[in-house]
Amino acid sequence: MDVLADTNIILRRIHRTHPQHRQAREAITKYSRPENRVCVTSQILVELWAVCTRPIENNGLGLTPAQANRIVGRVEASVFRLPDSDNVYAEWRRLVVAHGVSGKKTHHARLVAAMSVHGISHILTFNKDDFARYPAITVLDPTKL
């Protein structure tokens, strides 16, 4: 089974002092088995870079681009990155219209679109409410594993 790891999972996995680090690490370990594949999208890696390089006072990690590059490289080596395609955009457009999505929630819709295009039905996330409007998506909550 393929599982999409949301940005918050990846961030908490790399941020060792975060209170949810252990849960993120254990969840990724659980789904990193031969019968599973932990996946990310380019969007998730872009969001990871943004948080890594954002100042601490702005809810970031305050890392340099060189440090972020090393972290993103390690993440890329440990997960499967789903390829981008025009089909993802078309599915995203369909979803935002069908579900009346607006504002920051459009980013979640793009993840759901990528999942749909790539045949993935499960997302590993701490933010289950962000995906509640999508009945085809099964949320895997690391706090409940």
Protein backbone atom coordinates (compact mmCIF):
# COMPACT_ATOMS: atom_id res chain seq x y z
CA MET A 1 0.00 0.00 0.00
CA ASP A 2 1.29 3.45 -0.90
CA VAL A 3 0.90 6.14 1.78
CA LEU A 4 1.38 9.87 1.24
CA ALA A 5 3.27 11.51 4.11
CA ASP A 6 1.99 15.04 4.70
CA THR A 7 4.46 17.89 5.24
CA ASN A 8 3.76 17.95 8.98
CA ILE A 9 4.87 14.32 9.25
CA ILE A 10 8.14 14.95 7.42
CA LEU A 11 8.82 18.11 9.43
CA ARG A 12 8.20 16.48 12.78
CA ARG A 13 10.32 13.51 11.74
CA ILE A 14 13.35 15.72 11.11
CA HIS A 15 12.74 18.10 14.06
CA ARG A 16 14.02 15.96 16.93
CA THR A 17 12.93 18.34 19.70
CA HIS A 18 9.32 18.61 18.51
CA PRO A 19 6.84 16.93 20.90
CA GLN A 20 5.42 14.84 18.01
CA HIS A 21 8.83 13.72 16.69
CA ARG A 22 8.58 10.21 18.14
CA GLN A 23 5.07 9.68 16.75
CA ALA A 24 6.15 10.85 13.28
CA ARG A 25 9.25 8.65 13.35
CA GLU A 26 7.29 5.59 14.46
CA ALA A 27 4.57 6.18 11.85
CA ILE A 28 7.09 6.49 9.02
CA THR A 29 8.88 3.38 10.27
CA LYS A 30 5.58 1.47 10.39
CA TYR A 31 4.77 2.30 6.77
CA SER A 32 8.32 1.91 5.45
CA ARG A 33 7.97 -1.82 4.88
CA PRO A 34 8.50 -3.87 1.73
CA GLU A 35 4.72 -4.07 1.19
CA ASN A 36 4.32 -0.28 1.61
CA ARG A 37 5.80 2.80 0.05
CA VAL A 38 5.96 6.18 1.83
CA CYS A 39 5.42 8.84 -0.81
CA VAL A 40 5.67 12.61 -1.04
CA THR A 41 4.92 15.15 -3.73
CA SER A 42 7.15 17.95 -4.99
CA GLN A 43 4.77 20.32 -3.17
CA ILE A 44 5.59 18.64 0.15
CA LEU A 45 9.31 19.03 -0.48
CA VAL A 46 8.84 22.70 -1.39
CA GLU A 47 6.85 23.25 1.82
CA LEU A 48 9.59 21.44 3.77
CA TRP A 49 12.24 23.77 2.32
CA ALA A 50 10.11 26.82 3.15
CA VAL A 51 9.70 25.84 6.81
CA CYS A 52 13.34 24.80 7.16
CA THR A 53 14.58 28.18 5.89
CA ARG A 54 11.92 30.38 7.52
CA PRO A 55 13.11 32.26 10.64
CA ILE A 56 12.35 30.66 14.01
CA GLU A 57 10.33 33.72 15.07
CA ASN A 58 8.06 33.07 12.05
CA ASN A 59 7.41 29.42 13.01
CA GLY A 60 10.29 28.07 10.96
CA LEU A 61 13.44 26.15 11.76
CA GLY A 62 15.82 29.00 10.91
CA LEU A 63 18.16 26.88 8.81
CA THR A 64 20.40 28.05 5.99
CA PRO A 65 19.69 27.00 2.42
CA ALA A 66 22.73 24.69 2.60
CA GLN A 67 21.30 22.97 5.70
CA ALA A 68 17.86 22.72 4.08
CA ASN A 69 19.47 21.21 0.98
CA ARG A 70 21.03 18.42 3.07
CA ILE A 71 17.73 17.72 4.86
CA VAL A 72 15.67 17.66 1.66
CA GLY A 73 18.27 15.37 0.09
CA ARG A 74 17.99 12.92 2.99
CA VAL A 75 14.20 12.99 2.77
CA GLU A 76 14.32 12.41 -1.00
CA ALA A 77 16.53 9.37 -0.42
CA SER A 78 14.12 7.85 2.09
CA VAL A 79 10.74 8.25 0.34
CA PHE A 80 9.23 7.91 -3.13
CA ARG A 81 8.52 11.24 -4.85
CA LEU A 82 5.40 11.10 -6.98
CA PRO A 83 5.94 12.64 -10.41
CA ASP A 84 4.15 15.88 -11.23
CA SER A 85 1.84 15.91 -14.23
CA ASP A 86 -0.82 17.99 -15.94
CA ASN A 87 -3.33 15.40 -14.73
CA VAL A 88 -2.73 16.54 -11.15
CA TYR A 89 -3.66 20.11 -12.06
CA ALA A 90 -6.83 19.01 -13.84
CA GLU A 91 -7.87 16.87 -10.86
CA TRP A 92 -7.06 19.74 -8.48
CA ARG A 93 -9.33 22.07 -10.49
CA ARG A 94 -12.11 19.49 -10.36
CA LEU A 95 -11.74 19.05 -6.61
CA VAL A 96 -11.67 22.74 -5.65
CA VAL A 97 -14.80 23.40 -7.67
CA ALA A 98 -16.65 20.27 -6.54
CA HIS A 99 -15.85 20.88 -2.85
CA GLY A 100 -15.95 24.70 -2.82
CA VAL A 101 -12.36 24.90 -1.59
CA SER A 102 -10.79 28.31 -0.96
CA GLY A 103 -7.78 29.91 0.69
CA LYS A 104 -5.00 27.84 2.23
CA LYS A 105 -7.09 24.68 1.93
CA THR A 106 -6.35 24.67 -1.82
CA HIS A 107 -2.92 23.24 -0.94
CA HIS A 108 -4.60 20.21 0.67
CA ALA A 109 -6.74 19.77 -2.43
CA ARG A 110 -3.60 19.58 -4.55
CA LEU A 111 -2.27 16.76 -2.37
CA VAL A 112 -5.58 14.94 -2.73
CA ALA A 113 -5.43 15.48 -6.50
CA ALA A 114 -1.94 13.95 -6.66
CA MET A 115 -3.13 11.04 -4.53
CA SER A 116 -6.08 10.48 -6.85
CA VAL A 117 -3.97 10.60 -10.01
CA HIS A 118 -1.45 8.14 -8.53
CA GLY A 119 -4.04 5.78 -7.02
CA ILE A 120 -3.16 6.52 -3.38
CA SER A 121 -6.01 6.44 -0.87
CA HIS A 122 -4.13 6.87 2.44
CA ILE A 123 -2.45 9.96 3.88
CA LEU A 124 -0.34 10.05 7.00
CA THR A 125 -0.98 13.39 8.74
CA PHE A 126 -1.42 15.05 12.10
CA ASN A 127 -4.10 17.30 10.53
CA LYS A 128 -6.96 14.89 9.84
CA ASP A 129 -9.54 17.71 9.58
CA ASP A 130 -7.73 19.11 6.52
CA PHE A 131 -8.80 16.04 4.54
CA ALA A 132 -12.26 15.36 6.03
CA ARG A 133 -14.11 16.75 3.00
CA TYR A 134 -12.62 14.08 0.71
CA PRO A 135 -14.50 10.80 1.23
CA ALA A 136 -12.09 8.78 -0.93
CA ILE A 137 -9.16 9.64 1.36
CA THR A 138 -8.32 7.59 4.45
CA VAL A 139 -6.41 9.54 7.08
CA LEU A 140 -3.81 7.69 9.09
CA ASP A 141 -3.34 9.60 12.35
CA PRO A 142 0.08 8.94 13.95
CA THR A 143 -1.36 9.66 17.39
CA LYS A 144 -3.68 6.67 16.95
CA LEU A 145 -1.21 4.07 15.61
